[in-house]
Amino acid sequence: MILKWIKVVLQICIIYLITLTGNWIQQTFDLPIAGSIIGLLLFFLLLQFKIIKTEWINDGANLLLSTMIFFFIPSIVGAMDLVESFNSSFLVIIVLILASTCIVALLSGYIAEKMMKHNYIEESSDKL
């Protein structure tokens, strides 16, 4: 049980290290793209070229995906505290924030499912 948690923590550390590398690239080259986006692109490329195998990060990534909704709750609660100070023109902004949050969550889940299905197909064909 403890070894499984150590494995998950190490896998999350790998993911975090890639994110930090993306931030470092962004700061070093003063790029106009967020470091986290560069880290995601780097992570995608490492997975695509099989430099990092999915088995190395699978459990840690699944834990992060299963708890992803908790990262959206603080922004929604923070917006709820400011409702009294918003006038009608800010209603559009609130709707856009909620819609974009839902779209990001749905697209993230859809892409993750497609990648997992694609990976499953590749693994099945490798076994044949």
N, C-alpha and C. Protein backbone atom coordinates (compact mmCIF):
# COMPACT_ATOMS: atom_id res chain seq x y z
N MET A 1 0.83 -1.19 0.00
CA MET A 1 0.00 0.00 0.00
C MET A 1 0.87 1.26 0.00
N ILE A 2 1.86 1.28 0.87
CA ILE A 2 2.75 2.44 0.94
C ILE A 2 3.57 2.57 -0.34
N LEU A 3 4.00 1.43 -0.89
CA LEU A 3 4.77 1.47 -2.13
C LEU A 3 3.94 2.03 -3.29
N LYS A 4 2.64 1.71 -3.29
CA LYS A 4 1.77 2.26 -4.34
C LYS A 4 1.69 3.78 -4.23
N TRP A 5 1.56 4.30 -3.02
CA TRP A 5 1.49 5.76 -2.83
C TRP A 5 2.81 6.43 -3.18
N ILE A 6 3.91 5.77 -2.86
CA ILE A 6 5.22 6.32 -3.24
C ILE A 6 5.34 6.38 -4.76
N LYS A 7 4.85 5.33 -5.43
CA LYS A 7 4.87 5.29 -6.89
C LYS A 7 4.03 6.43 -7.46
N VAL A 8 2.83 6.66 -6.91
CA VAL A 8 1.96 7.73 -7.38
C VAL A 8 2.62 9.09 -7.16
N VAL A 9 3.22 9.30 -6.00
CA VAL A 9 3.89 10.57 -5.71
C VAL A 9 5.05 10.80 -6.68
N LEU A 10 5.81 9.77 -6.97
CA LEU A 10 6.92 9.92 -7.92
C LEU A 10 6.40 10.23 -9.32
N GLN A 11 5.28 9.62 -9.70
CA GLN A 11 4.70 9.91 -11.01
C GLN A 11 4.20 11.34 -11.10
N ILE A 12 3.59 11.83 -10.02
CA ILE A 12 3.14 13.22 -10.00
C ILE A 12 4.35 14.15 -10.05
N CYS A 13 5.45 13.75 -9.41
CA CYS A 13 6.67 14.55 -9.47
C CYS A 13 7.22 14.65 -10.89
N ILE A 14 7.12 13.56 -11.65
CA ILE A 14 7.55 13.59 -13.05
C ILE A 14 6.71 14.60 -13.83
N ILE A 15 5.40 14.55 -13.63
CA ILE A 15 4.50 15.47 -14.33
C ILE A 15 4.81 16.91 -13.92
N TYR A 16 5.03 17.13 -12.64
CA TYR A 16 5.34 18.47 -12.14
C TYR A 16 6.68 18.96 -12.67
N LEU A 17 7.65 18.08 -12.77
CA LEU A 17 8.96 18.44 -13.30
C LEU A 17 8.84 18.91 -14.75
N ILE A 18 7.99 18.26 -15.52
CA ILE A 18 7.78 18.68 -16.91
C ILE A 18 7.11 20.05 -16.94
N THR A 19 6.17 20.30 -16.03
CA THR A 19 5.53 21.61 -15.95
C THR A 19 6.54 22.68 -15.58
N LEU A 20 7.41 22.39 -14.61
CA LEU A 20 8.45 23.35 -14.24
C LEU A 20 9.40 23.61 -15.39
N THR A 21 9.69 22.59 -16.19
CA THR A 21 10.55 22.76 -17.36
C THR A 21 9.89 23.69 -18.36
N GLY A 22 8.57 23.54 -18.55
CA GLY A 22 7.83 24.45 -19.43
C GLY A 22 7.89 25.89 -18.94
N ASN A 23 7.76 26.08 -17.62
CA ASN A 23 7.88 27.43 -17.04
C ASN A 23 9.28 27.99 -17.23
N TRP A 24 10.28 27.14 -17.06
CA TRP A 24 11.66 27.58 -17.24
C TRP A 24 11.92 27.99 -18.69
N ILE A 25 11.41 27.22 -19.64
CA ILE A 25 11.57 27.55 -21.06
C ILE A 25 10.92 28.89 -21.36
N GLN A 26 9.71 29.09 -20.81
CA GLN A 26 8.99 30.34 -21.05
C GLN A 26 9.75 31.53 -20.49
N GLN A 27 10.30 31.40 -19.28
CA GLN A 27 11.02 32.51 -18.66
C GLN A 27 12.37 32.75 -19.33
N THR A 28 13.06 31.68 -19.69
CA THR A 28 14.39 31.82 -20.29
C THR A 28 14.32 32.50 -21.65
N PHE A 29 13.36 32.09 -22.47
CA PHE A 29 13.27 32.63 -23.82
C PHE A 29 12.25 33.75 -23.93
N ASP A 30 11.67 34.16 -22.80
CA ASP A 30 10.70 35.25 -22.74
C ASP A 30 9.62 35.10 -23.80
N LEU A 31 9.00 33.91 -23.81
CA LEU A 31 7.97 33.60 -24.80
C LEU A 31 6.62 34.16 -24.35
N PRO A 32 5.77 34.56 -25.30
CA PRO A 32 4.46 35.11 -24.93
C PRO A 32 3.41 34.05 -24.63
N ILE A 33 3.82 32.81 -24.47
CA ILE A 33 2.91 31.70 -24.16
C ILE A 33 3.15 31.31 -22.71
N ALA A 34 2.07 30.93 -22.02
CA ALA A 34 2.19 30.53 -20.62
C ALA A 34 3.10 29.30 -20.49
N GLY A 35 3.88 29.27 -19.44
CA GLY A 35 4.80 28.16 -19.20
C GLY A 35 4.08 26.83 -19.03
N SER A 36 2.89 26.87 -18.46
CA SER A 36 2.13 25.62 -18.29
C SER A 36 1.70 25.05 -19.64
N ILE A 37 1.39 25.92 -20.59
CA ILE A 37 1.04 25.45 -21.93
C ILE A 37 2.26 24.85 -22.63
N ILE A 38 3.39 25.49 -22.46
CA ILE A 38 4.63 24.93 -23.02
C ILE A 38 4.93 23.59 -22.38
N GLY A 39 4.71 23.49 -21.06
CA GLY A 39 4.90 22.22 -20.38
C GLY A 39 3.97 21.13 -20.91
N LEU A 40 2.70 21.50 -21.17
CA LEU A 40 1.76 20.53 -21.74
C LEU A 40 2.20 20.07 -23.12
N LEU A 41 2.66 21.02 -23.94
CA LEU A 41 3.15 20.67 -25.26
C LEU A 41 4.38 19.77 -25.16
N LEU A 42 5.28 20.10 -24.26
CA LEU A 42 6.47 19.26 -24.04
C LEU A 42 6.07 17.87 -23.57
N PHE A 43 5.12 17.80 -22.64
CA PHE A 43 4.62 16.53 -22.13
C PHE A 43 4.00 15.70 -23.25
N PHE A 44 3.20 16.35 -24.10
CA PHE A 44 2.58 15.68 -25.23
C PHE A 44 3.64 15.09 -26.16
N LEU A 45 4.66 15.89 -26.48
CA LEU A 45 5.71 15.42 -27.37
C LEU A 45 6.50 14.25 -26.76
N LEU A 46 6.78 14.35 -25.46
CA LEU A 46 7.49 13.26 -24.80
C LEU A 46 6.69 11.97 -24.83
N LEU A 47 5.38 12.08 -24.68
CA LEU A 47 4.53 10.89 -24.75
C LEU A 47 4.41 10.37 -26.18
N GLN A 48 4.26 11.28 -27.14
CA GLN A 48 4.11 10.87 -28.53
C GLN A 48 5.35 10.15 -29.07
N PHE A 49 6.52 10.66 -28.72
CA PHE A 49 7.75 10.04 -29.19
C PHE A 49 8.23 8.92 -28.26
N LYS A 50 7.37 8.57 -27.30
CA LYS A 50 7.62 7.47 -26.38
C LYS A 50 8.92 7.62 -25.59
N ILE A 51 9.30 8.87 -25.35
CA ILE A 51 10.44 9.13 -24.47
C ILE A 51 10.01 8.85 -23.03
N ILE A 52 8.78 9.23 -22.72
CA ILE A 52 8.16 8.88 -21.45
C ILE A 52 7.05 7.87 -21.76
N LYS A 53 7.10 6.74 -21.11
CA LYS A 53 6.07 5.72 -21.34
C LYS A 53 4.89 6.00 -20.42
N THR A 54 3.71 5.67 -20.91
CA THR A 54 2.50 5.94 -20.13
C THR A 54 2.50 5.18 -18.81
N GLU A 55 3.13 4.03 -18.76
CA GLU A 55 3.18 3.27 -17.51
C GLU A 55 3.93 4.04 -16.42
N TRP A 56 4.83 4.92 -16.81
CA TRP A 56 5.62 5.68 -15.85
C TRP A 56 4.78 6.74 -15.12
N ILE A 57 3.68 7.17 -15.74
CA ILE A 57 2.91 8.27 -15.14
C ILE A 57 1.42 7.95 -15.02
N ASN A 58 1.01 6.74 -15.36
CA ASN A 58 -0.40 6.39 -15.45
C ASN A 58 -1.17 6.61 -14.15
N ASP A 59 -0.71 6.04 -13.05
CA ASP A 59 -1.44 6.14 -11.78
C ASP A 59 -1.47 7.58 -11.26
N GLY A 60 -0.37 8.28 -11.38
CA GLY A 60 -0.33 9.68 -10.94
C GLY A 60 -1.24 10.56 -11.77
N ALA A 61 -1.25 10.35 -13.08
CA ALA A 61 -2.12 11.13 -13.96
C ALA A 61 -3.59 10.83 -13.68
N ASN A 62 -3.91 9.56 -13.43
CA ASN A 62 -5.30 9.20 -13.11
C ASN A 62 -5.75 9.85 -11.81
N LEU A 63 -4.86 9.93 -10.83
CA LEU A 63 -5.20 10.60 -9.57
C LEU A 63 -5.47 12.08 -9.82
N LEU A 64 -4.62 12.73 -10.61
CA LEU A 64 -4.82 14.14 -10.91
C LEU A 64 -6.11 14.37 -11.70
N LEU A 65 -6.41 13.48 -12.64
CA LEU A 65 -7.64 13.62 -13.41
C LEU A 65 -8.88 13.42 -12.55
N SER A 66 -8.80 12.48 -11.62
CA SER A 66 -9.97 12.21 -10.78
C SER A 66 -10.23 13.34 -9.78
N THR A 67 -9.23 14.12 -9.46
CA THR A 67 -9.41 15.23 -8.51
C THR A 67 -9.44 16.58 -9.20
N MET A 68 -9.50 16.59 -10.53
CA MET A 68 -9.43 17.83 -11.29
C MET A 68 -10.56 18.80 -10.94
N ILE A 69 -11.75 18.29 -10.66
CA ILE A 69 -12.88 19.16 -10.37
C ILE A 69 -12.62 20.05 -9.15
N PHE A 70 -11.82 19.57 -8.21
CA PHE A 70 -11.53 20.36 -7.02
C PHE A 70 -10.72 21.62 -7.33
N PHE A 71 -10.03 21.64 -8.48
CA PHE A 71 -9.26 22.81 -8.86
C PHE A 71 -10.16 23.92 -9.42
N PHE A 72 -11.38 23.57 -9.84
CA PHE A 72 -12.31 24.56 -10.37
C PHE A 72 -13.17 25.18 -9.28
N ILE A 73 -13.35 24.50 -8.18
CA ILE A 73 -14.25 24.97 -7.12
C ILE A 73 -13.83 26.33 -6.55
N PRO A 74 -12.55 26.59 -6.24
CA PRO A 74 -12.20 27.90 -5.66
C PRO A 74 -12.56 29.08 -6.55
N SER A 75 -12.40 28.95 -7.86
CA SER A 75 -12.74 30.07 -8.74
C SER A 75 -14.24 30.32 -8.75
N ILE A 76 -15.03 29.27 -8.71
CA ILE A 76 -16.49 29.45 -8.70
C ILE A 76 -16.95 30.05 -7.37
N VAL A 77 -16.38 29.57 -6.26
CA VAL A 77 -16.74 30.11 -4.94
C VAL A 77 -16.32 31.58 -4.85
N GLY A 78 -15.16 31.91 -5.37
CA GLY A 78 -14.70 33.29 -5.37
C GLY A 78 -15.61 34.20 -6.17
N ALA A 79 -16.10 33.71 -7.29
CA ALA A 79 -17.04 34.50 -8.09
C ALA A 79 -18.37 34.68 -7.37
N MET A 80 -18.78 33.68 -6.60
CA MET A 80 -20.05 33.78 -5.86
C MET A 80 -19.97 34.87 -4.79
N ASP A 81 -18.80 35.06 -4.20
CA ASP A 81 -18.64 36.10 -3.18
C ASP A 81 -18.77 37.50 -3.75
N LEU A 82 -18.49 37.66 -5.03
CA LEU A 82 -18.50 38.97 -5.66
C LEU A 82 -19.82 39.30 -6.37
N VAL A 83 -20.80 38.42 -6.29
CA VAL A 83 -22.06 38.62 -7.01
C VAL A 83 -22.74 39.92 -6.60
N GLU A 84 -22.69 40.27 -5.33
CA GLU A 84 -23.37 41.47 -4.86
C GLU A 84 -22.81 42.74 -5.49
N SER A 85 -21.52 42.76 -5.79
CA SER A 85 -20.92 43.97 -6.34
C SER A 85 -21.03 44.05 -7.87
N PHE A 86 -21.49 42.97 -8.50
CA PHE A 86 -21.64 42.98 -9.96
C PHE A 86 -22.96 43.65 -10.35
N ASN A 87 -22.93 44.42 -11.42
CA ASN A 87 -24.17 44.93 -11.97
C ASN A 87 -24.54 44.07 -13.17
N SER A 88 -25.55 44.43 -13.91
CA SER A 88 -26.05 43.59 -14.99
C SER A 88 -25.04 43.39 -16.12
N SER A 89 -24.13 44.34 -16.31
CA SER A 89 -23.14 44.17 -17.38
C SER A 89 -22.14 43.07 -17.07
N PHE A 90 -21.96 42.75 -15.79
CA PHE A 90 -21.05 41.69 -15.42
C PHE A 90 -21.69 40.30 -15.50
N LEU A 91 -22.99 40.25 -15.70
CA LEU A 91 -23.67 38.97 -15.83
C LEU A 91 -23.14 38.20 -17.03
N VAL A 92 -22.86 38.91 -18.11
CA VAL A 92 -22.30 38.27 -19.31
C VAL A 92 -20.94 37.66 -18.99
N ILE A 93 -20.14 38.36 -18.22
CA ILE A 93 -18.81 37.86 -17.85
C ILE A 93 -18.94 36.59 -17.01
N ILE A 94 -19.86 36.56 -16.08
CA ILE A 94 -20.05 35.38 -15.24
C ILE A 94 -20.49 34.19 -16.09
N VAL A 95 -21.42 34.42 -17.02
CA VAL A 95 -21.88 33.34 -17.90
C VAL A 95 -20.72 32.83 -18.75
N LEU A 96 -19.90 33.74 -19.26
CA LEU A 96 -18.74 33.33 -20.06
C LEU A 96 -17.74 32.53 -19.24
N ILE A 97 -17.51 32.95 -18.00
CA ILE A 97 -16.58 32.21 -17.13
C ILE A 97 -17.10 30.80 -16.87
N LEU A 98 -18.37 30.69 -16.53
CA LEU A 98 -18.94 29.37 -16.27
C LEU A 98 -18.95 28.51 -17.52
N ALA A 99 -19.31 29.09 -18.66
CA ALA A 99 -19.33 28.33 -19.91
C ALA A 99 -17.93 27.87 -20.31
N SER A 100 -16.96 28.78 -20.19
CA SER A 100 -15.60 28.39 -20.58
C SER A 100 -15.03 27.33 -19.64
N THR A 101 -15.36 27.40 -18.36
CA THR A 101 -14.92 26.37 -17.42
C THR A 101 -15.51 25.02 -17.79
N CYS A 102 -16.79 25.00 -18.12
CA CYS A 102 -17.43 23.75 -18.52
C CYS A 102 -16.84 23.21 -19.82
N ILE A 103 -16.60 24.11 -20.77
CA ILE A 103 -16.03 23.68 -22.05
C ILE A 103 -14.64 23.10 -21.85
N VAL A 104 -13.82 23.75 -21.03
CA VAL A 104 -12.46 23.24 -20.76
C VAL A 104 -12.53 21.87 -20.10
N ALA A 105 -13.41 21.71 -19.11
CA ALA A 105 -13.54 20.43 -18.43
C ALA A 105 -14.01 19.35 -19.39
N LEU A 106 -15.00 19.64 -20.21
CA LEU A 106 -15.52 18.65 -21.16
C LEU A 106 -14.48 18.30 -22.22
N LEU A 107 -13.81 19.30 -22.76
CA LEU A 107 -12.78 19.02 -23.77
C LEU A 107 -11.61 18.24 -23.19
N SER A 108 -11.22 18.56 -21.98
CA SER A 108 -10.13 17.82 -21.33
C SER A 108 -10.51 16.36 -21.17
N GLY A 109 -11.72 16.12 -20.72
CA GLY A 109 -12.18 14.74 -20.57
C GLY A 109 -12.27 14.02 -21.90
N TYR A 110 -12.78 14.70 -22.93
CA TYR A 110 -12.91 14.11 -24.25
C TYR A 110 -11.54 13.75 -24.83
N ILE A 111 -10.60 14.67 -24.72
CA ILE A 111 -9.25 14.42 -25.24
C ILE A 111 -8.58 13.28 -24.47
N ALA A 112 -8.76 13.28 -23.15
CA ALA A 112 -8.17 12.20 -22.35
C ALA A 112 -8.76 10.85 -22.74
N GLU A 113 -10.06 10.79 -22.97
CA GLU A 113 -10.68 9.54 -23.40
C GLU A 113 -10.14 9.09 -24.75
N LYS A 114 -10.03 10.02 -25.70
CA LYS A 114 -9.51 9.68 -27.02
C LYS A 114 -8.07 9.18 -26.94
N MET A 115 -7.26 9.84 -26.10
CA MET A 115 -5.87 9.43 -25.97
C MET A 115 -5.78 8.06 -25.30
N MET A 116 -6.62 7.82 -24.30
CA MET A 116 -6.61 6.52 -23.64
C MET A 116 -7.08 5.43 -24.60
N LYS A 117 -8.11 5.71 -25.41
CA LYS A 117 -8.60 4.73 -26.38
C LYS A 117 -7.53 4.46 -27.42
N HIS A 118 -6.88 5.50 -27.90
CA HIS A 118 -5.81 5.36 -28.89
C HIS A 118 -4.66 4.55 -28.31
N ASN A 119 -4.30 4.83 -27.07
CA ASN A 119 -3.22 4.11 -26.40
C ASN A 119 -3.60 2.65 -26.21
N TYR A 120 -4.86 2.38 -25.87
CA TYR A 120 -5.32 1.00 -25.69
C TYR A 120 -5.23 0.24 -26.99
N ILE A 121 -5.59 0.90 -28.10
CA ILE A 121 -5.52 0.24 -29.41
C ILE A 121 -4.08 -0.07 -29.76
N GLU A 122 -3.17 0.87 -29.50
CA GLU A 122 -1.75 0.63 -29.77
C GLU A 122 -1.22 -0.52 -28.93
N GLU A 123 -1.58 -0.57 -27.64
CA GLU A 123 -1.11 -1.63 -26.78
C GLU A 123 -1.66 -2.98 -27.21
N SER A 124 -2.92 -3.02 -27.66
CA SER A 124 -3.51 -4.27 -28.13
C SER A 124 -2.82 -4.78 -29.39
N SER A 125 -2.49 -3.87 -30.30
CA SER A 125 -1.82 -4.28 -31.52
C SER A 125 -0.38 -4.69 -31.27
N ASP A 126 0.23 -4.13 -30.23
CA ASP A 126 1.60 -4.52 -29.88
C ASP A 126 1.63 -5.94 -29.34
N LYS A 127 0.57 -6.35 -28.64
CA LYS A 127 0.52 -7.69 -28.06
C LYS A 127 0.32 -8.76 -29.13
N LEU A 128 -0.29 -8.37 -30.26
CA LEU A 128 -0.51 -9.34 -31.34
C LEU A 128 0.78 -9.58 -32.03
